[in-house]
N, C-alpha and C. Protein backbone atom coordinates (compact mmCIF):
# COMPACT_ATOMS: atom_id res chain seq x y z
N UNK A 1 0.84 -1.17 -0.02
CA UNK A 1 0.03 0.02 0.05
C UNK A 1 0.87 1.28 0.00
N UNK A 2 0.66 2.19 -0.94
CA UNK A 2 1.43 3.41 -1.00
C UNK A 2 1.12 4.28 0.22
N UNK A 3 1.94 5.24 0.39
CA UNK A 3 1.74 6.15 1.49
C UNK A 3 0.55 7.01 1.29
N UNK A 4 0.24 7.30 -0.04
CA UNK A 4 -0.93 8.16 -0.35
C UNK A 4 -2.18 7.42 -0.06
N UNK A 5 -2.26 6.11 -0.48
CA UNK A 5 -3.47 5.28 -0.19
C UNK A 5 -3.61 5.11 1.26
N UNK A 6 -2.49 4.93 1.98
CA UNK A 6 -2.51 4.70 3.38
C UNK A 6 -3.15 5.97 4.05
N UNK A 7 -2.78 7.10 3.58
CA UNK A 7 -3.32 8.37 4.16
C UNK A 7 -4.79 8.49 3.87
N UNK A 8 -5.17 8.12 2.68
CA UNK A 8 -6.60 8.19 2.32
C UNK A 8 -7.45 7.26 3.23
N UNK A 9 -6.90 6.06 3.48
CA UNK A 9 -7.59 5.13 4.37
C UNK A 9 -7.69 5.70 5.74
N UNK A 10 -6.63 6.34 6.24
CA UNK A 10 -6.64 6.91 7.57
C UNK A 10 -7.67 7.99 7.66
N UNK A 11 -7.77 8.87 6.63
CA UNK A 11 -8.70 9.96 6.64
C UNK A 11 -10.15 9.39 6.69
N UNK A 12 -10.41 8.35 5.98
CA UNK A 12 -11.75 7.69 5.96
C UNK A 12 -12.06 7.22 7.42
N UNK A 13 -11.02 6.61 8.02
CA UNK A 13 -11.24 6.04 9.39
C UNK A 13 -11.51 7.21 10.42
N UNK A 14 -10.78 8.22 10.21
CA UNK A 14 -10.93 9.39 11.10
C UNK A 14 -12.32 10.04 10.90
N UNK A 15 -12.74 10.14 9.66
CA UNK A 15 -14.10 10.66 9.41
C UNK A 15 -15.19 9.73 10.00
N UNK A 16 -14.99 8.43 9.93
CA UNK A 16 -15.91 7.52 10.51
C UNK A 16 -15.95 7.69 12.01
N UNK A 17 -14.73 7.93 12.61
CA UNK A 17 -14.68 8.16 14.05
C UNK A 17 -15.44 9.41 14.39
N UNK A 18 -15.30 10.46 13.61
CA UNK A 18 -16.06 11.71 13.84
C UNK A 18 -17.53 11.42 13.83
N UNK A 19 -17.98 10.68 12.90
CA UNK A 19 -19.47 10.34 12.72
C UNK A 19 -19.96 9.59 13.93
N UNK A 20 -19.12 8.70 14.48
CA UNK A 20 -19.58 7.82 15.56
C UNK A 20 -19.09 8.25 16.94
N UNK A 21 -18.29 9.33 16.96
CA UNK A 21 -17.81 9.78 18.28
C UNK A 21 -18.90 10.19 19.20
N UNK A 22 -18.98 9.50 20.28
CA UNK A 22 -20.03 9.76 21.22
C UNK A 22 -19.57 10.61 22.38
N UNK A 23 -18.36 10.63 22.68
CA UNK A 23 -17.85 11.48 23.77
C UNK A 23 -16.92 12.56 23.28
N UNK A 24 -16.74 13.56 24.12
CA UNK A 24 -15.87 14.67 23.81
C UNK A 24 -14.42 14.14 23.61
N UNK A 25 -14.01 13.18 24.39
CA UNK A 25 -12.66 12.64 24.25
C UNK A 25 -12.46 11.98 22.90
N UNK A 26 -13.43 11.22 22.50
CA UNK A 26 -13.28 10.53 21.20
C UNK A 26 -13.21 11.56 20.04
N UNK A 27 -14.05 12.61 20.20
CA UNK A 27 -14.03 13.71 19.14
C UNK A 27 -12.71 14.43 19.13
N UNK A 28 -12.14 14.71 20.32
CA UNK A 28 -10.81 15.36 20.40
C UNK A 28 -9.71 14.51 19.84
N UNK A 29 -9.77 13.18 20.04
CA UNK A 29 -8.80 12.28 19.56
C UNK A 29 -8.87 12.26 17.98
N UNK A 30 -10.08 12.25 17.48
CA UNK A 30 -10.34 12.28 16.02
C UNK A 30 -9.74 13.54 15.42
N UNK A 31 -10.03 14.68 16.07
CA UNK A 31 -9.51 15.95 15.57
C UNK A 31 -7.96 16.04 15.59
N UNK A 32 -7.36 15.45 16.57
CA UNK A 32 -5.89 15.44 16.66
C UNK A 32 -5.36 14.49 15.56
N UNK A 33 -5.98 13.36 15.32
CA UNK A 33 -5.46 12.45 14.31
C UNK A 33 -5.61 13.07 12.94
N UNK A 34 -6.72 13.77 12.69
CA UNK A 34 -6.91 14.42 11.39
C UNK A 34 -5.83 15.49 11.16
N UNK A 35 -5.52 16.30 12.29
CA UNK A 35 -4.48 17.32 12.17
C UNK A 35 -3.17 16.65 11.84
N UNK A 36 -2.79 15.55 12.44
CA UNK A 36 -1.51 14.87 12.14
C UNK A 36 -1.48 14.39 10.66
N UNK A 37 -2.60 13.85 10.14
CA UNK A 37 -2.60 13.39 8.82
C UNK A 37 -2.41 14.59 7.85
N UNK A 38 -3.13 15.71 8.09
CA UNK A 38 -3.01 16.89 7.26
C UNK A 38 -1.60 17.40 7.30
N UNK A 39 -0.95 17.42 8.43
CA UNK A 39 0.40 17.82 8.57
C UNK A 39 1.30 16.94 7.66
N UNK A 40 1.10 15.72 7.72
CA UNK A 40 1.88 14.72 6.90
C UNK A 40 1.63 15.00 5.42
N UNK A 41 0.45 15.31 5.01
CA UNK A 41 0.18 15.58 3.64
C UNK A 41 0.91 16.88 3.22
N UNK A 42 0.95 17.87 4.09
CA UNK A 42 1.67 19.07 3.81
C UNK A 42 3.08 18.84 3.61
N UNK A 43 3.69 17.95 4.34
CA UNK A 43 5.11 17.53 4.21
C UNK A 43 5.30 16.90 2.85
N UNK A 44 4.37 16.03 2.46
CA UNK A 44 4.50 15.46 1.10
C UNK A 44 4.36 16.42 0.00
N UNK A 45 3.53 17.44 0.17
CA UNK A 45 3.39 18.47 -0.79
C UNK A 45 4.66 19.24 -0.97
N UNK A 46 5.44 19.43 0.05
CA UNK A 46 6.72 20.15 -0.12
C UNK A 46 7.71 19.35 -0.93
N UNK A 47 7.66 18.03 -0.90
CA UNK A 47 8.65 17.24 -1.59
C UNK A 47 8.26 17.17 -3.08
N UNK A 48 7.06 17.40 -3.53
CA UNK A 48 6.60 17.31 -4.82
C UNK A 48 6.12 18.70 -5.29
N UNK A 49 6.80 19.36 -6.29
CA UNK A 49 6.43 20.74 -6.67
C UNK A 49 4.99 20.84 -7.11
N UNK A 50 4.36 21.91 -6.72
CA UNK A 50 3.01 22.19 -7.18
C UNK A 50 2.89 22.57 -8.61
N UNK A 51 1.88 22.10 -9.26
CA UNK A 51 1.59 22.47 -10.64
C UNK A 51 0.13 23.04 -10.69
N UNK A 52 -0.16 23.86 -11.67
CA UNK A 52 -1.45 24.41 -11.84
C UNK A 52 -2.24 23.45 -12.74
N UNK A 53 -3.39 23.02 -12.29
CA UNK A 53 -4.17 22.08 -13.10
C UNK A 53 -5.62 22.59 -13.17
N UNK A 54 -6.23 22.52 -14.36
CA UNK A 54 -7.57 23.01 -14.54
C UNK A 54 -8.47 21.80 -14.68
N UNK A 55 -9.59 21.86 -13.93
CA UNK A 55 -10.58 20.84 -13.97
C UNK A 55 -11.92 21.45 -14.51
N UNK A 56 -12.69 20.68 -15.19
CA UNK A 56 -14.03 21.20 -15.57
C UNK A 56 -15.04 20.17 -14.99
N UNK A 57 -15.86 20.72 -14.08
CA UNK A 57 -16.86 19.92 -13.39
C UNK A 57 -18.22 20.63 -13.56
N UNK A 58 -18.96 20.30 -14.69
CA UNK A 58 -20.14 20.97 -14.98
C UNK A 58 -21.30 20.80 -14.11
N UNK A 59 -21.49 19.67 -13.46
CA UNK A 59 -22.59 19.39 -12.52
C UNK A 59 -22.42 20.19 -11.28
N UNK A 60 -23.43 21.07 -10.90
CA UNK A 60 -23.25 21.85 -9.71
C UNK A 60 -23.05 21.00 -8.39
N UNK A 61 -23.71 19.90 -8.24
CA UNK A 61 -23.50 19.12 -7.03
C UNK A 61 -22.13 18.55 -7.04
N UNK A 62 -21.66 18.00 -8.12
CA UNK A 62 -20.30 17.48 -8.16
C UNK A 62 -19.29 18.57 -7.95
N UNK A 63 -19.52 19.71 -8.48
CA UNK A 63 -18.56 20.84 -8.32
C UNK A 63 -18.48 21.21 -6.85
N UNK A 64 -19.56 21.26 -6.15
CA UNK A 64 -19.53 21.57 -4.72
C UNK A 64 -18.78 20.51 -3.95
N UNK A 65 -18.93 19.27 -4.30
CA UNK A 65 -18.22 18.15 -3.64
C UNK A 65 -16.73 18.36 -3.92
N UNK A 66 -16.37 18.60 -5.12
CA UNK A 66 -14.95 18.69 -5.52
C UNK A 66 -14.23 19.89 -4.79
N UNK A 67 -14.96 21.00 -4.75
CA UNK A 67 -14.43 22.20 -3.99
C UNK A 67 -14.26 21.90 -2.57
N UNK A 68 -15.18 21.21 -1.99
CA UNK A 68 -15.14 20.85 -0.55
C UNK A 68 -14.01 19.92 -0.25
N UNK A 69 -13.76 18.94 -1.16
CA UNK A 69 -12.60 18.02 -0.99
C UNK A 69 -11.28 18.77 -1.10
N UNK A 70 -11.19 19.71 -2.04
CA UNK A 70 -9.95 20.48 -2.16
C UNK A 70 -9.68 21.24 -0.88
N UNK A 71 -10.67 21.89 -0.40
CA UNK A 71 -10.54 22.68 0.82
C UNK A 71 -10.22 21.82 2.00
N UNK A 72 -10.74 20.62 2.09
CA UNK A 72 -10.48 19.64 3.17
C UNK A 72 -8.95 19.40 3.22
N UNK A 73 -8.34 19.25 2.06
CA UNK A 73 -6.93 19.02 2.03
C UNK A 73 -6.07 20.26 2.00
N UNK A 74 -6.64 21.39 2.21
CA UNK A 74 -5.89 22.63 2.28
C UNK A 74 -5.54 23.20 0.95
N UNK A 75 -6.24 22.78 -0.17
CA UNK A 75 -5.97 23.36 -1.44
C UNK A 75 -7.07 24.32 -1.79
N UNK A 76 -6.68 25.55 -2.07
CA UNK A 76 -7.69 26.57 -2.32
C UNK A 76 -8.06 26.61 -3.81
N UNK A 77 -9.30 26.19 -4.09
CA UNK A 77 -9.69 26.21 -5.55
C UNK A 77 -9.98 27.67 -6.00
N UNK A 78 -9.79 27.92 -7.30
CA UNK A 78 -10.10 29.29 -7.82
C UNK A 78 -10.37 29.14 -9.31
N UNK A 79 -10.75 30.24 -9.96
CA UNK A 79 -10.73 30.29 -11.40
C UNK A 79 -10.37 31.69 -11.79
N UNK A 80 -9.90 31.83 -13.01
CA UNK A 80 -9.51 33.16 -13.51
C UNK A 80 -10.80 33.90 -14.08
N UNK A 81 -10.72 35.15 -14.10
CA UNK A 81 -11.74 35.96 -14.64
C UNK A 81 -12.13 35.47 -16.01
N UNK A 82 -13.43 35.44 -16.27
CA UNK A 82 -14.01 35.02 -17.54
C UNK A 82 -14.03 33.50 -17.76
N UNK A 83 -13.56 32.72 -16.79
CA UNK A 83 -13.64 31.30 -16.96
C UNK A 83 -15.06 30.93 -16.49
N UNK A 84 -15.56 29.80 -17.04
CA UNK A 84 -16.88 29.29 -16.71
C UNK A 84 -16.90 28.89 -15.30
N UNK A 85 -18.09 28.92 -14.73
CA UNK A 85 -18.31 28.46 -13.39
C UNK A 85 -17.88 26.99 -13.12
N UNK A 86 -17.97 26.26 -14.28
CA UNK A 86 -17.58 24.81 -14.20
C UNK A 86 -16.10 24.57 -14.07
N UNK A 87 -15.32 25.60 -14.32
CA UNK A 87 -13.86 25.54 -14.30
C UNK A 87 -13.42 25.70 -12.89
N UNK A 88 -12.49 24.77 -12.46
CA UNK A 88 -11.88 24.93 -11.13
C UNK A 88 -10.39 24.71 -11.35
N UNK A 89 -9.61 25.68 -10.83
CA UNK A 89 -8.12 25.62 -11.03
C UNK A 89 -7.51 25.38 -9.63
N UNK A 90 -6.54 24.52 -9.65
CA UNK A 90 -5.83 24.15 -8.39
C UNK A 90 -4.31 24.28 -8.61
N UNK A 91 -3.64 24.56 -7.49
CA UNK A 91 -2.20 24.48 -7.44
C UNK A 91 -1.89 23.41 -6.40
N UNK A 92 -1.33 22.36 -6.86
CA UNK A 92 -1.07 21.28 -5.90
C UNK A 92 -0.07 20.30 -6.58
N UNK A 93 0.54 19.41 -5.77
CA UNK A 93 1.42 18.42 -6.35
C UNK A 93 0.69 17.48 -7.33
N UNK A 94 1.21 17.25 -8.50
CA UNK A 94 0.50 16.46 -9.49
C UNK A 94 0.23 15.02 -9.00
N UNK A 95 1.21 14.40 -8.27
CA UNK A 95 1.11 13.11 -7.69
C UNK A 95 -0.10 13.10 -6.69
N UNK A 96 -0.21 14.04 -5.91
CA UNK A 96 -1.31 14.16 -4.91
C UNK A 96 -2.69 14.26 -5.64
N UNK A 97 -2.71 15.05 -6.69
CA UNK A 97 -3.96 15.17 -7.50
C UNK A 97 -4.39 13.88 -8.15
N UNK A 98 -3.37 13.22 -8.74
CA UNK A 98 -3.62 11.96 -9.47
C UNK A 98 -3.87 10.74 -8.58
N UNK A 99 -3.24 10.73 -7.45
CA UNK A 99 -3.34 9.49 -6.63
C UNK A 99 -4.29 9.65 -5.45
N UNK A 100 -4.68 10.86 -5.05
CA UNK A 100 -5.47 11.02 -3.86
C UNK A 100 -6.77 11.80 -4.20
N UNK A 101 -6.63 13.04 -4.63
CA UNK A 101 -7.79 13.87 -4.75
C UNK A 101 -8.74 13.43 -5.86
N UNK A 102 -8.24 13.23 -7.09
CA UNK A 102 -9.15 12.89 -8.13
C UNK A 102 -9.84 11.47 -8.02
N UNK A 103 -9.04 10.46 -7.64
CA UNK A 103 -9.73 9.22 -7.37
C UNK A 103 -10.77 9.20 -6.24
N UNK A 104 -10.44 9.90 -5.15
CA UNK A 104 -11.45 10.10 -4.15
C UNK A 104 -12.66 10.82 -4.55
N UNK A 105 -12.45 11.86 -5.32
CA UNK A 105 -13.57 12.61 -5.88
C UNK A 105 -14.52 11.75 -6.71
N UNK A 106 -13.86 10.95 -7.57
CA UNK A 106 -14.64 10.02 -8.46
C UNK A 106 -15.45 9.12 -7.68
N UNK A 107 -14.89 8.47 -6.61
CA UNK A 107 -15.57 7.56 -5.72
C UNK A 107 -16.74 8.24 -5.06
N UNK A 108 -16.48 9.43 -4.41
CA UNK A 108 -17.53 10.09 -3.69
C UNK A 108 -18.62 10.67 -4.63
N UNK A 109 -18.20 11.10 -5.84
CA UNK A 109 -19.12 11.65 -6.78
C UNK A 109 -20.11 10.55 -7.22
N UNK A 110 -19.63 9.38 -7.45
CA UNK A 110 -20.49 8.20 -7.85
C UNK A 110 -21.52 7.96 -6.73
N UNK A 111 -21.00 7.92 -5.56
CA UNK A 111 -21.95 7.76 -4.39
C UNK A 111 -22.98 8.90 -4.31
N UNK A 112 -22.56 10.12 -4.50
CA UNK A 112 -23.44 11.29 -4.41
C UNK A 112 -24.49 11.10 -5.57
N UNK A 113 -24.10 10.82 -6.75
CA UNK A 113 -24.99 10.68 -7.89
C UNK A 113 -26.04 9.64 -7.64
N UNK A 114 -25.58 8.44 -7.19
CA UNK A 114 -26.53 7.37 -6.85
C UNK A 114 -27.55 7.76 -5.77
N UNK A 115 -27.02 8.49 -4.74
CA UNK A 115 -27.98 8.90 -3.69
C UNK A 115 -28.98 9.87 -4.28
N UNK A 116 -28.53 10.89 -4.99
CA UNK A 116 -29.42 11.87 -5.59
C UNK A 116 -30.47 11.20 -6.54
N UNK A 117 -29.99 10.26 -7.31
CA UNK A 117 -30.85 9.49 -8.20
C UNK A 117 -31.96 8.75 -7.33
N UNK A 118 -31.54 8.10 -6.28
CA UNK A 118 -32.50 7.35 -5.47
C UNK A 118 -33.53 8.29 -4.78
N UNK A 119 -33.03 9.39 -4.22
CA UNK A 119 -33.94 10.23 -3.50
C UNK A 119 -34.84 10.97 -4.45
N UNK A 120 -34.45 11.40 -5.63
CA UNK A 120 -35.30 11.93 -6.64
C UNK A 120 -36.34 10.97 -7.10
N UNK A 121 -35.89 9.75 -7.42
CA UNK A 121 -36.88 8.73 -7.83
C UNK A 121 -37.99 8.48 -6.75
N UNK A 122 -37.57 8.42 -5.53
CA UNK A 122 -38.50 8.20 -4.45
C UNK A 122 -39.47 9.34 -4.28
N UNK A 123 -38.97 10.54 -4.33
CA UNK A 123 -39.75 11.76 -4.13
C UNK A 123 -40.81 11.82 -5.33
N UNK A 124 -40.39 11.63 -6.54
CA UNK A 124 -41.35 11.67 -7.69
C UNK A 124 -42.40 10.56 -7.52
N UNK A 125 -41.95 9.36 -7.21
CA UNK A 125 -42.87 8.21 -7.07
C UNK A 125 -43.89 8.48 -6.01
N UNK A 126 -43.51 9.00 -4.89
CA UNK A 126 -44.40 9.20 -3.72
C UNK A 126 -45.26 10.43 -3.85
N UNK A 127 -44.69 11.46 -4.45
CA UNK A 127 -45.46 12.80 -4.43
C UNK A 127 -46.01 13.22 -5.73
N UNK A 128 -45.54 12.71 -6.86
CA UNK A 128 -46.05 13.18 -8.17
C UNK A 128 -46.84 12.06 -8.84
N UNK A 129 -46.15 10.94 -9.18
CA UNK A 129 -46.85 9.80 -9.88
C UNK A 129 -45.96 8.64 -9.73
N UNK A 130 -46.61 7.40 -9.49
CA UNK A 130 -45.91 6.21 -9.22
C UNK A 130 -45.04 5.70 -10.36
N UNK A 131 -45.46 5.91 -11.65
CA UNK A 131 -44.71 5.41 -12.74
C UNK A 131 -43.62 6.47 -13.11
N UNK A 132 -42.36 6.16 -12.80
CA UNK A 132 -41.28 7.04 -13.12
C UNK A 132 -40.38 6.56 -14.27
N UNK A 133 -40.97 5.66 -15.07
CA UNK A 133 -40.15 5.13 -16.22
C UNK A 133 -40.03 6.23 -17.29
N UNK A 134 -39.08 6.03 -18.19
CA UNK A 134 -38.98 6.96 -19.31
C UNK A 134 -40.13 7.02 -20.21
N UNK A 135 -40.22 8.03 -21.04
CA UNK A 135 -41.32 8.17 -21.98
C UNK A 135 -41.16 7.09 -22.99
N UNK A 136 -42.26 6.59 -23.49
CA UNK A 136 -42.32 5.57 -24.52
C UNK A 136 -41.75 6.14 -25.83
N UNK A 137 -41.12 5.23 -26.60
CA UNK A 137 -40.55 5.59 -27.90
C UNK A 137 -41.63 5.38 -28.98
N UNK A 138 -41.89 6.43 -29.71
CA UNK A 138 -42.91 6.39 -30.78
C UNK A 138 -42.17 5.73 -32.06
N UNK A 139 -42.97 4.90 -32.81
CA UNK A 139 -42.34 4.26 -33.91
C UNK A 139 -42.04 5.20 -35.08
N UNK A 140 -42.80 6.27 -35.23
CA UNK A 140 -42.55 7.21 -36.34
C UNK A 140 -43.03 8.58 -35.93
N UNK A 141 -42.39 9.58 -36.45
CA UNK A 141 -42.81 11.00 -36.14
C UNK A 141 -44.06 11.28 -36.87
N UNK A 142 -45.01 12.08 -36.25
CA UNK A 142 -46.23 12.50 -36.93
C UNK A 142 -45.88 13.56 -37.93
N UNK A 143 -46.69 13.66 -39.04
CA UNK A 143 -46.42 14.68 -40.02
C UNK A 143 -46.57 16.05 -39.45
N UNK A 144 -45.80 17.03 -39.98
CA UNK A 144 -45.87 18.41 -39.45
C UNK A 144 -47.22 19.06 -39.81
N UNK A 145 -47.70 19.94 -39.04
CA UNK A 145 -49.01 20.55 -39.25
C UNK A 145 -48.84 21.67 -40.27
C-alpha cells in the first residue's frame, strides 16, 4: 500500500470516528489524528512541486463536492476571470492530485449521484406519480401541421 493510499484510508477512518464519536474525548482524539494526517500531507506536498491544473466539473452538485474536497486537503480552488463556473483551477502536487484527490472525488461523486438518483426517484414516485419510467418511444414521427 502506498503512503498516499494509506493516508486516504486513515482519513476515512478518522471521518468515521467523527461520525460515531459519542464522547468529547473521542471527538478530540479524532480531531488530533486528522491534524496529524493533514500535517503529513503538507510535508509530502513540499517534496513534490505544485503544478497548476484546470478541472471542468459541469454538474453543480459534483462541483460543490470537488471544491469541498480540495478545501479539506488545504488546497484553495479558484478560477480566472471570464472562466466558466464549471472551471476549477488548483495548485497542488501532481502526484497528490492523481493519486489522492481525483480518485477520491470520483468515488464520492459516484456515491453522491447514486444517492441523488435514489432520493429523486423516491420523491417523484411518492409525491407526483408512481410510474417514473422513461417516456415511450414512438415508432414514427407525426407529419408536421
